[in-house]
Amino acid sequence: MSAAAAAPSSRDTHRRAVLALVGATLLWSVAGVVTRHLHHADGLQLVFWRSGFAALAVALVLLTRDGAPALLRTVRDGAAPLWTSALLWCVMYTAFMLALSLTTVAQTLVVDSLSPLCAALLGRVLLRQRLPTRTWGAIAVASAGMLWMCWHDVHAARSSRELLGLLVALCVPLAAAGNWVNMRRSAGHGALQAAPMFGAALSALLVALPAGALAVDAHDLAWLAFLGVFQLALPGILAVWAAQRLLPAEVGLLGLLEVVFGTAWAWLGAGERPTSATLGGGALILGALLANEMLGWWRAPLARRRAA
C-alpha cells in the first residue's frame, strides 16, 4: 500500500521537475533577443551588469525565504558541491553573454545544444547511471537536429570574431553538463540553491577589471536588470530544484528547448530569420524531447505493473 502510494508522488515530482525546467529554458531563451536591443555591445559590460543583478536577486529570494542566519549556515556548510556548482554557473553566465556579443544568437544556441550529449556521457562515467534506450535514441535524434541546424551556421562563420564566439560558446555546454551531474550527485543538498548567487557574483567580479568602464545608459541598465532577475536568477533557482530530481541526460535534453525558444524570439523580436535548416532541426529536437518524455511516462506504470 505504501509503495503504491509513493509511486504517484514520484511521478508527480518528476512531472513538476520537467515543467520547472521547461519554464527555466523559456526564461533563459530571451537573452539573445534582449541583447540585440541594447545600445552597447561590449560583452564584458553586459556580463558584469547581468550577473550583478542576478546575484542580488537570488540573494534577496534566499534572505526573504530562509533569513540571514540560514543563508550564513548555507555558506558555512556548502562544501565542495556548492562551490563546484558556483564555479560552473560562473563559466556558463560569462561565456554565454560573451558569445552573444561575438556571434549570432542561432550560432550560440546551436553550440549550447551539445549539452545533452556531454551530460549523458558525464552521467554515465561519473554517476554510473544506465540510460534507457529511449533516452539514447532521443539524444541521437536531437543531435541530428542540432547538426542540421549547425551546418549552415558554422559555414557562415567566416570572420575570426564569429569563430571566437563559437569557441567561447562551447564552454557553456561543457560547464552545464558538469553542473547537472554535480547537482544530481548532490541531490537533497539544500546549499545548492545558493550556487546561482555565488556563480553570478563570481562572474561579475571576473569581468569587472577587464571591462574597465562599466557605465551604461538607463535603457541598457533596465534591460540588463530584467535579464539578471528573470533570465538568470529565477530560472537558475528553478533549474537547481529540477536538476536534483532528473537525470543529467534529461536535463540536457530539456535544455535543448532553449535553442528552439531562443531562435523563435530572435526571429520575432530582432529580425534574425531562421533558415529552413534551423526550422527542420528545431522540429527534430522538439520531436525527440516529446517522444522521450511521453515514452518515459507511459512505460513507468507498465514497469511497476510487471514488477508487481
C-alpha atoms as a PDB file:
ATOM      1  CA  MET A   1       0.000   0.000   0.000  1.00  0.00           C
ATOM      2  CA  SER A   2       2.754   2.405   0.956  1.00  0.00           C
ATOM      3  CA  ALA A   3       4.734   1.600  -2.219  1.00  0.00           C
ATOM      4  CA  ALA A   4       1.663   2.140  -4.368  1.00  0.00           C
ATOM      5  CA  ALA A   5       1.033   5.455  -2.636  1.00  0.00           C
ATOM      6  CA  ALA A   6       4.629   6.539  -3.085  1.00  0.00           C
ATOM      7  CA  ALA A   7       4.696   5.867  -6.831  1.00  0.00           C
ATOM      8  CA  PRO A   8       2.231   8.617  -7.867  1.00  0.00           C
ATOM      9  CA  SER A   9       4.148  11.064  -5.680  1.00  0.00           C
ATOM     10  CA  SER A  10       7.360  10.171  -7.512  1.00  0.00           C
ATOM     11  CA  ARG A  11       5.655  10.627 -10.891  1.00  0.00           C
ATOM     12  CA  ASP A  12       4.234  13.965  -9.786  1.00  0.00           C
ATOM     13  CA  THR A  13       7.650  15.131  -8.606  1.00  0.00           C
ATOM     14  CA  HIS A  14       9.187  14.137 -11.931  1.00  0.00           C
ATOM     15  CA  ARG A  15       6.426  15.941 -13.830  1.00  0.00           C
ATOM     16  CA  ARG A  16       6.868  19.107 -11.753  1.00  0.00           C
ATOM     17  CA  ALA A  17      10.625  18.960 -12.291  1.00  0.00           C
ATOM     18  CA  VAL A  18      10.125  18.689 -16.057  1.00  0.00           C
ATOM     19  CA  LEU A  19       7.699  21.637 -16.065  1.00  0.00           C
ATOM     20  CA  ALA A  20      10.061  23.691 -13.890  1.00  0.00           C
ATOM     21  CA  LEU A  21      12.940  23.086 -16.288  1.00  0.00           C
ATOM     22  CA  VAL A  22      10.785  23.911 -19.323  1.00  0.00           C
ATOM     23  CA  GLY A  23       9.892  27.197 -17.625  1.00  0.00           C
ATOM     24  CA  ALA A  24      13.569  27.840 -16.927  1.00  0.00           C
ATOM     25  CA  THR A  25      14.530  27.258 -20.570  1.00  0.00           C
ATOM     26  CA  LEU A  26      11.780  29.630 -21.714  1.00  0.00           C
ATOM     27  CA  LEU A  27      13.189  32.360 -19.466  1.00  0.00           C
ATOM     28  CA  TRP A  28      16.792  31.599 -20.477  1.00  0.00           C
ATOM     29  CA  SER A  29      15.845  31.885 -24.154  1.00  0.00           C
ATOM     30  CA  VAL A  30      15.079  35.631 -24.062  1.00  0.00           C
ATOM     31  CA  ALA A  31      18.748  36.608 -23.626  1.00  0.00           C
ATOM     32  CA  GLY A  32      19.501  36.772 -27.344  1.00  0.00           C
ATOM     33  CA  VAL A  33      16.584  38.936 -28.408  1.00  0.00           C
ATOM     34  CA  VAL A  34      17.031  41.346 -25.473  1.00  0.00           C
ATOM     35  CA  THR A  35      20.769  41.640 -26.166  1.00  0.00           C
ATOM     36  CA  ARG A  36      20.037  42.652 -29.762  1.00  0.00           C
ATOM     37  CA  HIS A  37      18.062  45.664 -28.485  1.00  0.00           C
ATOM     38  CA  LEU A  38      20.821  47.005 -26.203  1.00  0.00           C
ATOM     39  CA  HIS A  39      22.705  50.159 -27.180  1.00  0.00           C
ATOM     40  CA  HIS A  40      26.076  48.789 -26.043  1.00  0.00           C
ATOM     41  CA  ALA A  41      27.592  45.582 -27.390  1.00  0.00           C
ATOM     42  CA  ASP A  42      30.609  45.285 -25.065  1.00  0.00           C
ATOM     43  CA  GLY A  43      30.347  41.715 -23.802  1.00  0.00           C
ATOM     44  CA  LEU A  44      32.255  42.341 -20.566  1.00  0.00           C
ATOM     45  CA  GLN A  45      29.946  45.202 -19.579  1.00  0.00           C
ATOM     46  CA  LEU A  46      26.894  43.098 -20.326  1.00  0.00           C
ATOM     47  CA  VAL A  47      28.250  40.194 -18.274  1.00  0.00           C
ATOM     48  CA  PHE A  48      29.011  42.459 -15.305  1.00  0.00           C
ATOM     49  CA  TRP A  49      25.576  44.067 -15.041  1.00  0.00           C
ATOM     50  CA  ARG A  50      23.509  40.995 -15.867  1.00  0.00           C
ATOM     51  CA  SER A  51      25.434  38.795 -13.430  1.00  0.00           C
ATOM     52  CA  GLY A  52      25.446  41.501 -10.753  1.00  0.00           C
ATOM     53  CA  PHE A  53      21.667  41.901 -10.867  1.00  0.00           C
ATOM     54  CA  ALA A  54      21.246  38.115 -10.821  1.00  0.00           C
ATOM     55  CA  ALA A  55      23.405  37.746  -7.699  1.00  0.00           C
ATOM     56  CA  LEU A  56      21.384  40.435  -5.900  1.00  0.00           C
ATOM     57  CA  ALA A  57      18.063  38.877  -6.950  1.00  0.00           C
ATOM     58  CA  VAL A  58      18.941  35.362  -5.759  1.00  0.00           C
ATOM     59  CA  ALA A  59      20.322  36.773  -2.502  1.00  0.00           C
ATOM     60  CA  LEU A  60      17.046  38.645  -1.930  1.00  0.00           C
ATOM     61  CA  VAL A  61      14.989  35.499  -2.583  1.00  0.00           C
ATOM     62  CA  LEU A  62      17.085  33.393  -0.196  1.00  0.00           C
ATOM     63  CA  LEU A  63      17.113  36.069   2.507  1.00  0.00           C
ATOM     64  CA  THR A  64      13.330  36.520   2.251  1.00  0.00           C
ATOM     65  CA  ARG A  65      12.647  32.789   2.252  1.00  0.00           C
ATOM     66  CA  ASP A  66      15.207  31.496   4.743  1.00  0.00           C
ATOM     67  CA  GLY A  67      16.587  34.512   6.611  1.00  0.00           C
ATOM     68  CA  ALA A  68      20.162  35.676   7.077  1.00  0.00           C
ATOM     69  CA  PRO A  69      21.189  33.005   9.671  1.00  0.00           C
ATOM     70  CA  ALA A  70      20.121  30.177   7.353  1.00  0.00           C
ATOM     71  CA  LEU A  71      21.964  31.737   4.421  1.00  0.00           C
ATOM     72  CA  LEU A  72      25.117  32.036   6.514  1.00  0.00           C
ATOM     73  CA  ARG A  73      24.804  28.363   7.518  1.00  0.00           C
ATOM     74  CA  THR A  74      24.416  27.504   3.837  1.00  0.00           C
ATOM     75  CA  VAL A  75      27.687  29.259   3.046  1.00  0.00           C
ATOM     76  CA  ARG A  76      29.435  27.628   6.008  1.00  0.00           C
ATOM     77  CA  ASP A  77      28.184  24.103   5.298  1.00  0.00           C
ATOM     78  CA  GLY A  78      28.106  24.252   1.498  1.00  0.00           C
ATOM     79  CA  ALA A  79      31.410  22.449   0.984  1.00  0.00           C
ATOM     80  CA  ALA A  80      32.581  21.161  -2.397  1.00  0.00           C
ATOM     81  CA  PRO A  81      29.184  20.656  -4.146  1.00  0.00           C
ATOM     82  CA  LEU A  82      28.177  24.296  -3.573  1.00  0.00           C
ATOM     83  CA  TRP A  83      31.441  25.836  -4.737  1.00  0.00           C
ATOM     84  CA  THR A  84      31.803  23.456  -7.670  1.00  0.00           C
ATOM     85  CA  SER A  85      28.328  24.393  -8.850  1.00  0.00           C
ATOM     86  CA  ALA A  86      29.021  28.114  -8.285  1.00  0.00           C
ATOM     87  CA  LEU A  87      32.158  27.939 -10.419  1.00  0.00           C
ATOM     88  CA  LEU A  88      30.312  26.143 -13.217  1.00  0.00           C
ATOM     89  CA  TRP A  89      27.436  28.682 -13.102  1.00  0.00           C
ATOM     90  CA  CYS A  90      30.091  31.404 -13.369  1.00  0.00           C
ATOM     91  CA  VAL A  91      31.500  29.844 -16.552  1.00  0.00           C
ATOM     92  CA  MET A  92      28.018  29.446 -18.044  1.00  0.00           C
ATOM     93  CA  TYR A  93      26.928  33.011 -17.250  1.00  0.00           C
ATOM     94  CA  THR A  94      30.153  34.583 -18.518  1.00  0.00           C
ATOM     95  CA  ALA A  95      30.720  32.525 -21.664  1.00  0.00           C
ATOM     96  CA  PHE A  96      27.126  32.742 -22.883  1.00  0.00           C
ATOM     97  CA  MET A  97      26.938  36.536 -22.822  1.00  0.00           C
ATOM     98  CA  LEU A  98      30.396  36.924 -24.335  1.00  0.00           C
ATOM     99  CA  ALA A  99      29.447  34.525 -27.144  1.00  0.00           C
ATOM    100  CA  LEU A 100      26.296  36.524 -27.906  1.00  0.00           C
ATOM    101  CA  SER A 101      28.424  39.657 -28.273  1.00  0.00           C
ATOM    102  CA  LEU A 102      30.754  37.901 -30.726  1.00  0.00           C
ATOM    103  CA  THR A 103      28.445  35.842 -32.937  1.00  0.00           C
ATOM    104  CA  THR A 104      24.767  35.317 -33.774  1.00  0.00           C
ATOM    105  CA  VAL A 105      22.034  34.096 -31.446  1.00  0.00           C
ATOM    106  CA  ALA A 106      21.470  30.987 -33.591  1.00  0.00           C
ATOM    107  CA  GLN A 107      25.142  30.008 -33.629  1.00  0.00           C
ATOM    108  CA  THR A 108      25.446  30.478 -29.856  1.00  0.00           C
ATOM    109  CA  LEU A 109      22.352  28.415 -29.125  1.00  0.00           C
ATOM    110  CA  VAL A 110      23.295  25.662 -31.571  1.00  0.00           C
ATOM    111  CA  VAL A 111      26.669  25.187 -29.861  1.00  0.00           C
ATOM    112  CA  ASP A 112      24.932  25.211 -26.465  1.00  0.00           C
ATOM    113  CA  SER A 113      22.735  22.346 -27.621  1.00  0.00           C
ATOM    114  CA  LEU A 114      25.691  19.970 -27.274  1.00  0.00           C
ATOM    115  CA  SER A 115      24.921  19.789 -23.537  1.00  0.00           C
ATOM    116  CA  PRO A 116      22.698  16.637 -23.693  1.00  0.00           C
ATOM    117  CA  LEU A 117      25.478  14.513 -25.128  1.00  0.00           C
ATOM    118  CA  CYS A 118      28.008  15.946 -22.651  1.00  0.00           C
ATOM    119  CA  ALA A 119      25.603  15.427 -19.736  1.00  0.00           C
ATOM    120  CA  ALA A 120      24.756  11.863 -20.770  1.00  0.00           C
ATOM    121  CA  LEU A 121      28.397  10.877 -21.090  1.00  0.00           C
ATOM    122  CA  LEU A 122      29.426  12.536 -17.816  1.00  0.00           C
ATOM    123  CA  GLY A 123      26.463  10.999 -16.007  1.00  0.00           C
ATOM    124  CA  ARG A 124      27.374   7.572 -17.359  1.00  0.00           C
ATOM    125  CA  VAL A 125      31.045   7.906 -16.355  1.00  0.00           C
ATOM    126  CA  LEU A 126      30.753   9.722 -13.010  1.00  0.00           C
ATOM    127  CA  LEU A 127      27.386   8.533 -11.697  1.00  0.00           C
ATOM    128  CA  ARG A 128      27.385   5.054 -13.281  1.00  0.00           C
ATOM    129  CA  GLN A 129      23.820   5.660 -14.424  1.00  0.00           C
ATOM    130  CA  ARG A 130      22.411   3.404 -17.101  1.00  0.00           C
ATOM    131  CA  LEU A 131      20.385   5.393 -19.572  1.00  0.00           C
ATOM    132  CA  PRO A 132      17.207   3.967 -21.128  1.00  0.00           C
ATOM    133  CA  THR A 133      17.393   3.147 -24.813  1.00  0.00           C
ATOM    134  CA  ARG A 134      14.752   5.791 -25.485  1.00  0.00           C
ATOM    135  CA  THR A 135      16.984   8.478 -23.964  1.00  0.00           C
ATOM    136  CA  TRP A 136      19.974   7.462 -26.103  1.00  0.00           C
ATOM    137  CA  GLY A 137      17.671   7.475 -29.124  1.00  0.00           C
ATOM    138  CA  ALA A 138      16.379  10.937 -28.198  1.00  0.00           C
ATOM    139  CA  ILE A 139      19.954  12.200 -27.822  1.00  0.00           C
ATOM    140  CA  ALA A 140      20.809  10.810 -31.258  1.00  0.00           C
ATOM    141  CA  VAL A 141      17.785  12.404 -32.934  1.00  0.00           C
ATOM    142  CA  ALA A 142      18.263  15.718 -31.117  1.00  0.00           C
ATOM    143  CA  SER A 143      21.955  15.710 -32.046  1.00  0.00           C
ATOM    144  CA  ALA A 144      20.988  15.124 -35.678  1.00  0.00           C
ATOM    145  CA  GLY A 145      18.678  18.123 -35.423  1.00  0.00           C
ATOM    146  CA  MET A 146      21.472  20.171 -33.896  1.00  0.00           C
ATOM    147  CA  LEU A 147      23.874  19.175 -36.691  1.00  0.00           C
ATOM    148  CA  TRP A 148      21.257  20.030 -39.278  1.00  0.00           C
ATOM    149  CA  MET A 149      20.853  23.496 -37.758  1.00  0.00           C
ATOM    150  CA  CYS A 150      24.592  23.852 -37.256  1.00  0.00           C
ATOM    151  CA  TRP A 151      25.705  23.003 -40.788  1.00  0.00           C
ATOM    152  CA  HIS A 152      24.691  26.296 -42.374  1.00  0.00           C
ATOM    153  CA  ASP A 153      25.555  28.485 -39.368  1.00  0.00           C
ATOM    154  CA  VAL A 154      29.067  27.138 -38.845  1.00  0.00           C
ATOM    155  CA  HIS A 155      29.882  27.566 -42.533  1.00  0.00           C
ATOM    156  CA  ALA A 156      28.564  31.121 -42.286  1.00  0.00           C
ATOM    157  CA  ALA A 157      31.094  31.926 -39.532  1.00  0.00           C
ATOM    158  CA  ARG A 158      33.793  33.259 -41.854  1.00  0.00           C
ATOM    159  CA  SER A 159      35.217  36.035 -39.638  1.00  0.00           C
ATOM    160  CA  SER A 160      37.677  35.401 -36.815  1.00  0.00           C
ATOM    161  CA  ARG A 161      35.273  37.178 -34.447  1.00  0.00           C
ATOM    162  CA  GLU A 162      32.489  34.691 -35.167  1.00  0.00           C
ATOM    163  CA  LEU A 163      34.825  31.734 -34.868  1.00  0.00           C
ATOM    164  CA  LEU A 164      35.995  33.045 -31.489  1.00  0.00           C
ATOM    165  CA  GLY A 165      32.333  33.350 -30.493  1.00  0.00           C
ATOM    166  CA  LEU A 166      31.747  29.694 -31.356  1.00  0.00           C
ATOM    167  CA  LEU A 167      34.729  28.628 -29.243  1.00  0.00           C
ATOM    168  CA  VAL A 168      33.561  30.743 -26.298  1.00  0.00           C
ATOM    169  CA  ALA A 169      30.043  29.321 -26.668  1.00  0.00           C
ATOM    170  CA  LEU A 170      31.483  25.797 -26.447  1.00  0.00           C
ATOM    171  CA  CYS A 171      32.359  26.479 -22.792  1.00  0.00           C
ATOM    172  CA  VAL A 172      28.642  26.692 -21.954  1.00  0.00           C
ATOM    173  CA  PRO A 173      27.542  23.090 -22.718  1.00  0.00           C
ATOM    174  CA  LEU A 174      30.691  21.681 -21.107  1.00  0.00           C
ATOM    175  CA  ALA A 175      30.093  23.646 -17.902  1.00  0.00           C
ATOM    176  CA  ALA A 176      26.349  22.923 -17.996  1.00  0.00           C
ATOM    177  CA  ALA A 177      26.913  19.167 -18.270  1.00  0.00           C
ATOM    178  CA  GLY A 178      29.290  19.237 -15.307  1.00  0.00           C
ATOM    179  CA  ASN A 179      26.797  21.284 -13.328  1.00  0.00           C
ATOM    180  CA  TRP A 180      23.851  18.941 -13.951  1.00  0.00           C
ATOM    181  CA  VAL A 181      25.950  15.928 -12.931  1.00  0.00           C
ATOM    182  CA  ASN A 182      27.213  17.718  -9.818  1.00  0.00           C
ATOM    183  CA  MET A 183      23.672  18.673  -8.782  1.00  0.00           C
ATOM    184  CA  ARG A 184      22.316  15.183  -9.422  1.00  0.00           C
ATOM    185  CA  ARG A 185      25.156  13.667  -7.391  1.00  0.00           C
ATOM    186  CA  SER A 186      24.341  16.118  -4.585  1.00  0.00           C
ATOM    187  CA  ALA A 187      20.554  15.662  -4.707  1.00  0.00           C
ATOM    188  CA  GLY A 188      18.978  16.846  -1.467  1.00  0.00           C
ATOM    189  CA  HIS A 189      21.869  19.230  -0.733  1.00  0.00           C
ATOM    190  CA  GLY A 190      19.933  22.407   0.116  1.00  0.00           C
ATOM    191  CA  ALA A 191      23.027  24.597  -0.108  1.00  0.00           C
ATOM    192  CA  LEU A 192      22.986  24.273  -3.906  1.00  0.00           C
ATOM    193  CA  GLN A 193      20.105  26.765  -4.004  1.00  0.00           C
ATOM    194  CA  ALA A 194      22.718  29.441  -3.294  1.00  0.00           C
ATOM    195  CA  ALA A 195      25.023  28.309  -6.119  1.00  0.00           C
ATOM    196  CA  PRO A 196      23.497  30.584  -8.820  1.00  0.00           C
ATOM    197  CA  MET A 197      24.000  33.560  -6.490  1.00  0.00           C
ATOM    198  CA  PHE A 198      27.681  32.826  -5.912  1.00  0.00           C
ATOM    199  CA  GLY A 199      28.179  31.914  -9.575  1.00  0.00           C
ATOM    200  CA  ALA A 200      26.712  35.239 -10.695  1.00  0.00           C
ATOM    201  CA  ALA A 201      28.798  37.157  -8.147  1.00  0.00           C
ATOM    202  CA  LEU A 202      31.961  35.393  -9.345  1.00  0.00           C
ATOM    203  CA  SER A 203      31.031  36.159 -12.949  1.00  0.00           C
ATOM    204  CA  ALA A 204      30.615  39.887 -12.207  1.00  0.00           C
ATOM    205  CA  LEU A 205      33.902  40.028 -10.298  1.00  0.00           C
ATOM    206  CA  LEU A 206      35.716  38.103 -13.026  1.00  0.00           C
ATOM    207  CA  VAL A 207      34.964  40.710 -15.694  1.00  0.00           C
ATOM    208  CA  ALA A 208      34.992  43.848 -13.523  1.00  0.00           C
ATOM    209  CA  LEU A 209      38.662  44.726 -14.068  1.00  0.00           C
ATOM    210  CA  PRO A 210      38.968  43.684 -17.743  1.00  0.00           C
ATOM    211  CA  ALA A 211      35.758  45.559 -18.576  1.00  0.00           C
ATOM    212  CA  GLY A 212      37.242  48.907 -17.494  1.00  0.00           C
ATOM    213  CA  ALA A 213      34.448  51.489 -17.794  1.00  0.00           C
ATOM    214  CA  LEU A 214      31.235  49.836 -16.638  1.00  0.00           C
ATOM    215  CA  ALA A 215      28.797  52.725 -17.190  1.00  0.00           C
ATOM    216  CA  VAL A 216      25.765  52.010 -19.405  1.00  0.00           C
ATOM    217  CA  ASP A 217      22.755  54.194 -20.176  1.00  0.00           C
ATOM    218  CA  ALA A 218      19.385  53.890 -18.415  1.00  0.00           C
ATOM    219  CA  HIS A 219      17.856  51.952 -21.315  1.00  0.00           C
ATOM    220  CA  ASP A 220      20.501  49.233 -21.183  1.00  0.00           C
ATOM    221  CA  LEU A 221      20.546  49.178 -17.376  1.00  0.00           C
ATOM    222  CA  ALA A 222      16.819  48.459 -17.254  1.00  0.00           C
ATOM    223  CA  TRP A 223      17.105  45.609 -19.756  1.00  0.00           C
ATOM    224  CA  LEU A 224      20.173  44.162 -18.026  1.00  0.00           C
ATOM    225  CA  ALA A 225      18.286  44.264 -14.711  1.00  0.00           C
ATOM    226  CA  PHE A 226      15.455  42.352 -16.407  1.00  0.00           C
ATOM    227  CA  LEU A 227      17.941  39.771 -17.700  1.00  0.00           C
ATOM    228  CA  GLY A 228      19.608  39.444 -14.307  1.00  0.00           C
ATOM    229  CA  VAL A 229      16.356  38.825 -12.447  1.00  0.00           C
ATOM    230  CA  PHE A 230      14.161  36.964 -14.939  1.00  0.00           C
ATOM    231  CA  GLN A 231      16.676  35.421 -17.337  1.00  0.00           C
ATOM    232  CA  LEU A 232      19.295  34.310 -14.767  1.00  0.00           C
ATOM    233  CA  ALA A 233      18.110  34.394 -11.145  1.00  0.00           C
ATOM    234  CA  LEU A 234      14.605  32.917 -11.430  1.00  0.00           C
ATOM    235  CA  PRO A 235      15.435  30.172 -13.974  1.00  0.00           C
ATOM    236  CA  GLY A 236      18.618  29.379 -12.048  1.00  0.00           C
ATOM    237  CA  ILE A 237      16.578  28.645  -8.915  1.00  0.00           C
ATOM    238  CA  LEU A 238      14.121  26.532 -10.931  1.00  0.00           C
ATOM    239  CA  ALA A 239      16.954  24.645 -12.654  1.00  0.00           C
ATOM    240  CA  VAL A 240      18.694  23.746  -9.379  1.00  0.00           C
ATOM    241  CA  TRP A 241      15.465  22.306  -7.977  1.00  0.00           C
ATOM    242  CA  ALA A 242      14.713  20.380 -11.176  1.00  0.00           C
ATOM    243  CA  ALA A 243      18.266  19.109 -11.781  1.00  0.00           C
ATOM    244  CA  GLN A 244      18.312  17.396  -8.383  1.00  0.00           C
ATOM    245  CA  ARG A 245      15.284  15.349  -9.439  1.00  0.00           C
ATOM    246  CA  LEU A 246      16.081  14.499 -13.062  1.00  0.00           C
ATOM    247  CA  LEU A 247      18.804  12.506 -14.792  1.00  0.00           C
ATOM    248  CA  PRO A 248      21.577  14.679 -16.288  1.00  0.00           C
ATOM    249  CA  ALA A 249      20.625  13.444 -19.757  1.00  0.00           C
ATOM    250  CA  GLU A 250      17.012  14.513 -19.194  1.00  0.00           C
ATOM    251  CA  VAL A 251      18.165  17.937 -18.041  1.00  0.00           C
ATOM    252  CA  GLY A 252      20.340  18.293 -21.112  1.00  0.00           C
ATOM    253  CA  LEU A 253      17.567  17.217 -23.457  1.00  0.00           C
ATOM    254  CA  LEU A 254      15.010  19.581 -21.950  1.00  0.00           C
ATOM    255  CA  GLY A 255      17.618  22.325 -22.092  1.00  0.00           C
ATOM    256  CA  LEU A 256      17.539  21.983 -25.897  1.00  0.00           C
ATOM    257  CA  LEU A 257      14.214  23.795 -25.804  1.00  0.00           C
ATOM    258  CA  GLU A 258      16.245  26.958 -25.269  1.00  0.00           C
ATOM    259  CA  VAL A 259      17.547  26.554 -28.835  1.00  0.00           C
ATOM    260  CA  VAL A 260      14.007  26.450 -30.225  1.00  0.00           C
ATOM    261  CA  PHE A 261      12.630  29.212 -27.991  1.00  0.00           C
ATOM    262  CA  GLY A 262      15.677  31.442 -28.459  1.00  0.00           C
ATOM    263  CA  THR A 263      15.652  31.116 -32.231  1.00  0.00           C
ATOM    264  CA  ALA A 264      11.944  31.971 -32.298  1.00  0.00           C
ATOM    265  CA  TRP A 265      12.443  35.052 -30.079  1.00  0.00           C
ATOM    266  CA  ALA A 266      15.344  36.255 -32.249  1.00  0.00           C
ATOM    267  CA  TRP A 267      13.156  35.845 -35.342  1.00  0.00           C
ATOM    268  CA  LEU A 268      10.103  37.593 -33.926  1.00  0.00           C
ATOM    269  CA  GLY A 269      11.836  40.269 -31.889  1.00  0.00           C
ATOM    270  CA  ALA A 270      15.121  41.018 -33.643  1.00  0.00           C
ATOM    271  CA  GLY A 271      14.548  40.076 -37.276  1.00  0.00           C
ATOM    272  CA  GLU A 272      17.044  37.152 -37.283  1.00  0.00           C
ATOM    273  CA  ARG A 273      15.021  34.978 -39.614  1.00  0.00           C
ATOM    274  CA  PRO A 274      15.851  31.262 -39.185  1.00  0.00           C
ATOM    275  CA  THR A 275      16.803  29.206 -42.203  1.00  0.00           C
ATOM    276  CA  SER A 276      14.924  26.108 -43.330  1.00  0.00           C
ATOM    277  CA  ALA A 277      17.719  24.064 -41.731  1.00  0.00           C
ATOM    278  CA  THR A 278      17.079  25.796 -38.403  1.00  0.00           C
ATOM    279  CA  LEU A 279      13.352  25.092 -38.618  1.00  0.00           C
ATOM    280  CA  GLY A 280      13.909  21.456 -39.588  1.00  0.00           C
ATOM    281  CA  GLY A 281      16.478  20.930 -36.846  1.00  0.00           C
ATOM    282  CA  GLY A 282      14.171  22.524 -34.290  1.00  0.00           C
ATOM    283  CA  ALA A 283      11.393  20.137 -35.299  1.00  0.00           C
ATOM    284  CA  LEU A 284      13.712  17.149 -34.764  1.00  0.00           C
ATOM    285  CA  ILE A 285      14.773  18.464 -31.353  1.00  0.00           C
ATOM    286  CA  LEU A 286      11.185  19.026 -30.212  1.00  0.00           C
ATOM    287  CA  GLY A 287      10.129  15.618 -31.524  1.00  0.00           C
ATOM    288  CA  ALA A 288      12.955  13.902 -29.645  1.00  0.00           C
ATOM    289  CA  LEU A 289      12.065  15.678 -26.410  1.00  0.00           C
ATOM    290  CA  LEU A 290       8.370  14.875 -26.642  1.00  0.00           C
ATOM    291  CA  ALA A 291       8.993  11.236 -27.548  1.00  0.00           C
ATOM    292  CA  ASN A 292      11.455  10.738 -24.680  1.00  0.00           C
ATOM    293  CA  GLU A 293       9.145  12.218 -22.061  1.00  0.00           C
ATOM    294  CA  MET A 294       5.967  10.554 -23.340  1.00  0.00           C
ATOM    295  CA  LEU A 295       7.627   7.126 -23.522  1.00  0.00           C
ATOM    296  CA  GLY A 296       9.001   7.611 -20.010  1.00  0.00           C
ATOM    297  CA  TRP A 297       5.602   8.491 -18.560  1.00  0.00           C
ATOM    298  CA  TRP A 298       3.912   5.639 -20.450  1.00  0.00           C
ATOM    299  CA  ARG A 299       6.441   2.957 -19.501  1.00  0.00           C
ATOM    300  CA  ALA A 300       6.737   3.821 -15.799  1.00  0.00           C
ATOM    301  CA  PRO A 301       3.275   2.422 -14.823  1.00  0.00           C
ATOM    302  CA  LEU A 302       3.885  -0.598 -17.101  1.00  0.00           C
ATOM    303  CA  ALA A 303       7.182  -1.387 -15.342  1.00  0.00           C
ATOM    304  CA  ARG A 304       5.517  -1.140 -11.924  1.00  0.00           C
ATOM    305  CA  ARG A 305       2.745  -3.490 -13.007  1.00  0.00           C
ATOM    306  CA  ARG A 306       5.286  -6.024 -14.257  1.00  0.00           C
ATOM    307  CA  ALA A 307       7.221  -5.774 -11.003  1.00  0.00           C
ATOM    308  CA  ALA A 308       4.033  -6.311  -9.015  1.00  0.00           C
END
